[in-house]
Structure formats: structure tokens, C-alpha cells
Amino acid sequence: MSGRRSHPRVAVSPAAQGSLHLMRDVVVQRVEEREVVAISRDPGTKGEALVLEVSTGLEVERLQCHVIESAPLIVDGCLRYRLQLRVVTPATDRTVQRAPAGPEGQ
């Protein structure tokens, strides 16, 4: 019986590192050169970095943003969040992509 409790019973693994990308739809209320206001189902965290893809027909503009403010809001009886975002991507570095034309666009 001696030594029963001297061996390790639990091994703690080091934490894994990685990143998680979540896609969520927002309703964009206002777009200015350095600021965007959007309504989201999920709250944002002040200082959180995110990429906002704004679609205007066939073009998609990617904006790198930081959350300035996230405030709860009731829209049609549902809880939503008003996100105030600061655009950090210079206008010259914004990636504009053309969506592939589908059968209806040919």
C-alpha cells in the first residue's frame, strides 16, 4: 500500500491556441469613411476586431473594424445590439471582389 498516492492522478494538458471565425448577419444602418453602424443579433465587445463584408450587388467590400460601442436595442419585440464600428482599413487596401455570375446573370 505504500506509494499509492505518490503517482500523478491527473495530467493537465497545455492550452491549445487557435482562432475561431464566426459568420453572422447584420443590418447595416450607416456607412461612413471611418465609421459603420450595424444592428446584430449578437453583442460586440469594446475593442473587438472583426471583418465586415458589405455587399452592394456584384461587389463585396471587406472592412477591417474595431467595436467602439455595443448597446442593447429592441427591434420588433426582439433583443438586438447596435454596434458602432471604427473602420481601420485604409480605402486603398480594401479588397473588392466580384461575385461569380450565376445562370440568372448571364
Protein backbone atom coordinates (compact mmCIF):
# COMPACT_ATOMS: atom_id res chain seq x y z
CA MET A 1 0.00 0.00 0.00
CA SER A 2 2.89 2.38 0.34
CA GLY A 3 3.29 4.73 -2.61
CA ARG A 4 -0.34 4.57 -3.73
CA ARG A 5 -0.80 8.32 -3.60
CA SER A 6 2.62 9.39 -4.78
CA HIS A 7 1.99 8.89 -8.51
CA PRO A 8 0.18 11.62 -10.50
CA ARG A 9 -3.55 11.06 -10.88
CA VAL A 10 -4.33 13.86 -13.30
CA ALA A 11 -2.34 15.22 -16.22
CA VAL A 12 -3.17 18.79 -17.27
CA SER A 13 -2.55 19.45 -20.95
CA PRO A 14 -1.28 22.85 -22.07
CA ALA A 15 -3.94 25.08 -23.59
CA ALA A 16 -4.38 24.88 -27.35
CA GLN A 17 -4.07 28.05 -29.40
CA GLY A 18 -6.11 28.92 -32.44
CA SER A 19 -8.73 31.21 -33.85
CA LEU A 20 -12.44 30.94 -34.44
CA HIS A 21 -14.26 32.65 -37.29
CA LEU A 22 -17.98 33.22 -36.84
CA MET A 23 -20.22 34.40 -39.63
CA ARG A 24 -23.17 36.48 -38.51
CA ASP A 25 -25.57 38.61 -40.46
CA VAL A 26 -26.01 42.25 -39.56
CA VAL A 27 -28.19 45.03 -40.88
CA VAL A 28 -26.01 47.99 -41.81
CA GLN A 29 -27.67 51.28 -40.86
CA ARG A 30 -24.96 53.75 -41.80
CA VAL A 31 -21.60 53.61 -43.58
CA GLU A 32 -19.15 56.48 -43.49
CA GLU A 33 -15.48 56.66 -44.40
CA ARG A 34 -14.25 55.76 -40.89
CA GLU A 35 -17.38 54.50 -39.09
CA VAL A 36 -20.13 51.92 -39.58
CA VAL A 37 -23.29 51.42 -37.52
CA ALA A 38 -24.89 47.97 -37.71
CA ILE A 39 -27.64 46.02 -35.94
CA SER A 40 -26.70 42.48 -34.85
CA ARG A 41 -28.30 39.56 -33.01
CA ASP A 42 -25.08 39.17 -31.01
CA PRO A 43 -23.35 41.76 -28.83
CA GLY A 44 -19.88 43.00 -29.59
CA THR A 45 -17.05 43.58 -27.14
CA LYS A 46 -15.43 47.00 -27.00
CA GLY A 47 -12.11 46.78 -28.86
CA GLU A 48 -13.01 43.52 -30.61
CA ALA A 49 -11.50 43.26 -34.09
CA LEU A 50 -13.71 41.98 -36.89
CA VAL A 51 -14.08 41.96 -40.65
CA LEU A 52 -17.31 43.34 -42.11
CA GLU A 53 -18.20 42.32 -45.65
CA VAL A 54 -20.56 44.82 -47.25
CA SER A 55 -22.26 43.57 -50.40
CA THR A 56 -23.52 46.03 -52.99
CA GLY A 57 -24.85 43.95 -55.86
CA LEU A 58 -21.91 42.23 -57.53
CA GLU A 59 -19.19 43.81 -55.37
CA VAL A 60 -18.11 42.83 -51.88
CA GLU A 61 -16.06 45.27 -49.84
CA ARG A 62 -14.15 43.96 -46.83
CA LEU A 63 -13.73 46.39 -43.97
CA GLN A 64 -11.47 45.66 -41.02
CA CYS A 65 -13.15 47.23 -37.98
CA HIS A 66 -12.96 47.56 -34.22
CA VAL A 67 -16.03 47.72 -31.99
CA ILE A 68 -16.35 51.16 -30.39
CA GLU A 69 -19.67 50.54 -28.67
CA SER A 70 -22.27 47.78 -28.33
CA ALA A 71 -25.67 48.71 -26.91
CA PRO A 72 -28.84 46.61 -26.50
CA LEU A 73 -31.81 47.58 -28.61
CA ILE A 74 -35.37 46.24 -29.01
CA VAL A 75 -36.39 45.76 -32.66
CA ASP A 76 -39.90 44.40 -33.35
CA GLY A 77 -40.01 42.96 -29.83
CA CYS A 78 -36.65 41.16 -30.19
CA LEU A 79 -33.37 41.93 -28.45
CA ARG A 80 -30.72 43.17 -30.87
CA TYR A 81 -27.47 45.08 -30.47
CA ARG A 82 -26.43 48.36 -32.08
CA LEU A 83 -22.75 48.05 -32.97
CA GLN A 84 -20.74 51.18 -33.60
CA LEU A 85 -17.62 50.18 -35.54
CA ARG A 86 -14.46 52.11 -36.42
CA VAL A 87 -13.06 51.22 -39.85
CA VAL A 88 -9.29 50.63 -39.66
CA THR A 89 -8.68 49.53 -43.27
CA PRO A 90 -7.39 52.35 -45.47
CA ALA A 91 -9.63 52.91 -48.52
CA THR A 92 -6.78 51.85 -50.83
CA ASP A 93 -6.36 48.48 -49.08
CA ARG A 94 -10.00 47.39 -49.15
CA THR A 95 -10.43 44.22 -51.15
CA VAL A 96 -13.20 44.44 -53.71
CA GLN A 97 -14.29 41.13 -55.19
CA ARG A 98 -16.76 40.40 -57.90
CA ALA A 99 -19.24 37.63 -57.18
CA PRO A 100 -19.36 34.99 -59.92
CA ALA A 101 -22.27 35.45 -62.27
CA GLY A 102 -24.90 32.77 -61.87
CA PRO A 103 -27.25 31.46 -64.57
CA GLU A 104 -29.65 34.36 -63.92
CA GLY A 105 -26.87 36.91 -64.55
CA GLN A 106 -25.87 35.55 -67.97
